[in-house]
Amino acid sequence: MTYRVSFVCTGNICRSPMAESVFRARVEEAGLGDRVEVESAGTGGWHEGDGADPRAVAVLEEHGYGTDHVARQFQASWFSRLDLVIALDGGHRKALRRLAPTEQDAQKVRLLRSYDPAAGDDLDVPDPYYGGLDGFEECLEMVEAASEGLLTAVREEVEGRAI
């Protein structure tokens, strides 16, 4: 049985594709690629059909991650096939929980940085879109830091399921 994770930010061209790429790499490194699917989407459809922001791609490539990405908007109907929906900031979490068809679906929504013990109370990943390359570097650092804890949580869920 496949475990499915979706990362969600605003437009699905910066933060969520970066998180998708990093987490997919962690899943593959952990040998879970055949049991965990990773995707991303945006709360809005402004960039549907676009590739990831070139600055996001550059930072990912510089750090050894690949991305073959096409932006899309998150749909309420997807909750039924997803196990975990990872919001990149509190605004995304609120929007996703409002979109959730059931309370059970709303409980699938978590903040990415909640998986990083060092994050403290600051659980938002800032939007790098209107800034320079340094904002994308900061985003990557936050995503990488949270990905280890997220991988631990997902591994526990996957190992608790029948194959």
Protein backbone atom coordinates (compact mmCIF):
# COMPACT_ATOMS: atom_id res chain seq x y z
CA MET A 1 0.00 0.00 0.00
CA THR A 2 1.48 3.33 -1.05
CA TYR A 3 1.76 6.23 1.40
CA ARG A 4 1.10 9.57 -0.32
CA VAL A 5 2.43 12.98 0.76
CA SER A 6 1.64 16.33 -0.88
CA PHE A 7 3.46 19.60 -0.11
CA VAL A 8 1.40 22.76 -0.57
CA CYS A 9 2.38 26.44 -0.79
CA THR A 10 0.71 29.38 -2.54
CA GLY A 11 1.54 29.09 -6.23
CA ASN A 12 3.43 25.78 -6.36
CA ILE A 13 6.53 27.27 -7.97
CA CYS A 14 8.88 27.95 -5.01
CA ARG A 15 8.48 26.38 -1.58
CA SER A 16 6.39 23.31 -2.31
CA PRO A 17 8.40 22.09 -5.31
CA MET A 18 11.57 22.56 -3.26
CA ALA A 19 10.07 20.52 -0.42
CA GLU A 20 8.86 17.90 -2.88
CA SER A 21 12.33 17.52 -4.42
CA VAL A 22 14.14 17.33 -1.09
CA PHE A 23 11.70 14.93 0.50
CA ARG A 24 11.61 12.69 -2.57
CA ALA A 25 15.42 12.45 -2.35
CA ARG A 26 15.18 11.55 1.38
CA VAL A 27 12.56 8.89 0.63
CA GLU A 28 14.77 7.38 -2.09
CA GLU A 29 17.86 7.47 0.16
CA ALA A 30 15.85 5.64 2.84
CA GLY A 31 14.86 2.91 0.39
CA LEU A 32 11.18 3.81 0.58
CA GLY A 33 10.73 5.02 -2.99
CA ASP A 34 8.52 2.06 -3.88
CA ARG A 35 6.23 2.70 -0.88
CA VAL A 36 6.01 6.51 -0.65
CA GLU A 37 4.78 8.91 -3.34
CA VAL A 38 5.66 12.59 -3.08
CA GLU A 39 3.97 15.46 -4.93
CA SER A 40 3.18 19.15 -4.54
CA ALA A 41 0.53 21.72 -5.37
CA GLY A 42 -0.54 25.30 -4.67
CA THR A 43 -3.51 26.75 -2.85
CA GLY A 44 -4.09 28.92 -5.91
CA GLY A 45 -3.94 28.26 -9.63
CA TRP A 46 -2.05 31.38 -10.77
CA HIS A 47 0.95 29.40 -12.01
CA GLU A 48 -0.76 26.21 -13.20
CA GLY A 49 1.24 24.66 -16.01
CA ASP A 50 4.40 26.65 -15.21
CA GLY A 51 7.70 25.12 -14.18
CA ALA A 52 9.32 25.86 -10.84
CA ASP A 53 10.79 29.32 -10.32
CA PRO A 54 14.27 29.38 -11.95
CA ARG A 55 15.81 30.49 -8.64
CA ALA A 56 14.31 27.46 -6.89
CA VAL A 57 15.65 25.20 -9.62
CA ALA A 58 19.11 26.79 -9.42
CA VAL A 59 19.32 26.35 -5.64
CA LEU A 60 18.06 22.77 -5.82
CA GLU A 61 20.54 21.87 -8.56
CA GLU A 62 23.39 23.56 -6.71
CA HIS A 63 22.68 21.28 -3.74
CA GLY A 64 22.30 18.10 -5.78
CA TYR A 65 18.52 17.92 -6.09
CA GLY A 66 16.62 17.59 -9.31
CA THR A 67 13.21 18.91 -10.17
CA ASP A 68 10.96 18.13 -13.07
CA HIS A 69 8.01 20.20 -11.99
CA VAL A 70 4.74 21.54 -13.38
CA ALA A 71 2.64 23.73 -11.08
CA ARG A 72 -0.93 22.79 -10.25
CA GLN A 73 -3.66 23.80 -7.83
CA PHE A 74 -4.61 21.56 -4.91
CA GLN A 75 -8.11 20.07 -5.22
CA ALA A 76 -10.38 19.04 -2.34
CA SER A 77 -10.99 15.68 -4.03
CA TRP A 78 -7.31 14.80 -3.54
CA PHE A 79 -7.72 14.42 0.22
CA SER A 80 -9.24 10.97 -0.26
CA ARG A 81 -6.06 9.61 -1.86
CA LEU A 82 -3.52 11.44 0.33
CA ASP A 83 -2.22 10.34 3.71
CA LEU A 84 -0.47 13.58 4.63
CA VAL A 85 -0.79 17.15 3.34
CA ILE A 86 2.16 19.32 4.31
CA ALA A 87 1.54 23.08 4.39
CA LEU A 88 4.51 25.42 4.11
CA ASP A 89 2.98 28.16 6.27
CA GLY A 90 0.05 28.85 8.55
CA GLY A 91 -1.99 30.52 5.81
CA HIS A 92 -1.72 27.40 3.66
CA ARG A 93 -2.70 25.23 6.61
CA LYS A 94 -5.84 27.31 7.22
CA ALA A 95 -6.79 27.28 3.53
CA LEU A 96 -6.28 23.52 3.27
CA ARG A 97 -8.24 22.76 6.42
CA ARG A 98 -11.13 24.88 5.11
CA LEU A 99 -10.97 22.98 1.83
CA ALA A 100 -10.99 19.57 3.52
CA PRO A 101 -14.29 17.74 2.94
CA THR A 102 -14.22 16.03 6.37
CA GLU A 103 -12.65 16.55 9.78
CA GLN A 104 -10.58 13.42 9.15
CA ASP A 105 -9.20 15.05 6.00
CA ALA A 106 -8.47 18.29 7.87
CA GLN A 107 -6.40 16.28 10.36
CA LYS A 108 -4.11 15.20 7.51
CA VAL A 109 -2.83 18.79 7.19
CA ARG A 110 0.42 19.55 9.02
CA LEU A 111 3.01 22.32 8.93
CA LEU A 112 6.37 21.23 7.51
CA ARG A 113 8.46 22.90 10.19
CA SER A 114 6.52 21.11 12.93
CA TYR A 115 8.83 18.20 12.05
CA ASP A 116 11.93 20.28 12.92
CA PRO A 117 12.51 20.35 16.70
CA ALA A 118 14.84 23.34 16.31
CA ALA A 119 12.09 25.45 14.69
CA GLY A 120 10.51 26.36 18.03
CA ASP A 121 7.32 28.38 17.60
CA ASP A 122 8.30 29.81 14.19
CA LEU A 123 6.74 27.19 11.92
CA ASP A 124 6.32 29.18 8.70
CA VAL A 125 8.69 28.80 5.77
CA PRO A 126 8.95 32.38 4.43
CA ASP A 127 7.98 32.94 0.80
CA PRO A 128 11.19 33.63 -1.17
CA TYR A 129 9.38 34.72 -4.35
CA TYR A 130 9.76 38.49 -3.97
CA GLY A 131 13.34 38.39 -2.71
CA GLY A 132 16.72 37.30 -3.91
CA LEU A 133 18.51 33.99 -4.14
CA ASP A 134 19.33 34.08 -0.43
CA GLY A 135 15.63 33.57 0.38
CA PHE A 136 15.63 30.39 -1.69
CA GLU A 137 18.76 29.21 0.13
CA GLU A 138 17.02 29.88 3.47
CA CYS A 139 13.94 28.00 2.25
CA LEU A 140 16.08 25.01 1.30
CA GLU A 141 17.77 25.00 4.71
CA MET A 142 14.40 24.97 6.46
CA VAL A 143 13.05 22.24 4.19
CA GLU A 144 16.12 20.07 4.70
CA ALA A 145 15.99 20.52 8.48
CA ALA A 146 12.34 19.47 8.66
CA SER A 147 12.67 16.63 6.15
CA GLU A 148 14.54 14.36 8.55
CA GLY A 149 11.76 14.48 11.16
CA LEU A 150 9.11 14.12 8.48
CA LEU A 151 10.90 11.07 7.09
CA THR A 152 10.96 9.50 10.55
CA ALA A 153 7.20 10.06 10.92
CA VAL A 154 6.41 8.74 7.44
CA ARG A 155 8.68 5.71 7.91
CA GLU A 156 6.78 4.83 11.12
CA GLU A 157 3.48 5.04 9.24
CA VAL A 158 4.75 3.00 6.29
CA GLU A 159 6.29 0.32 8.45
CA GLY A 160 3.02 0.07 10.39
CA ARG A 161 1.09 -0.81 7.21
CA ALA A 162 0.81 -4.19 5.56
CA ILE A 163 2.72 -4.43 2.31
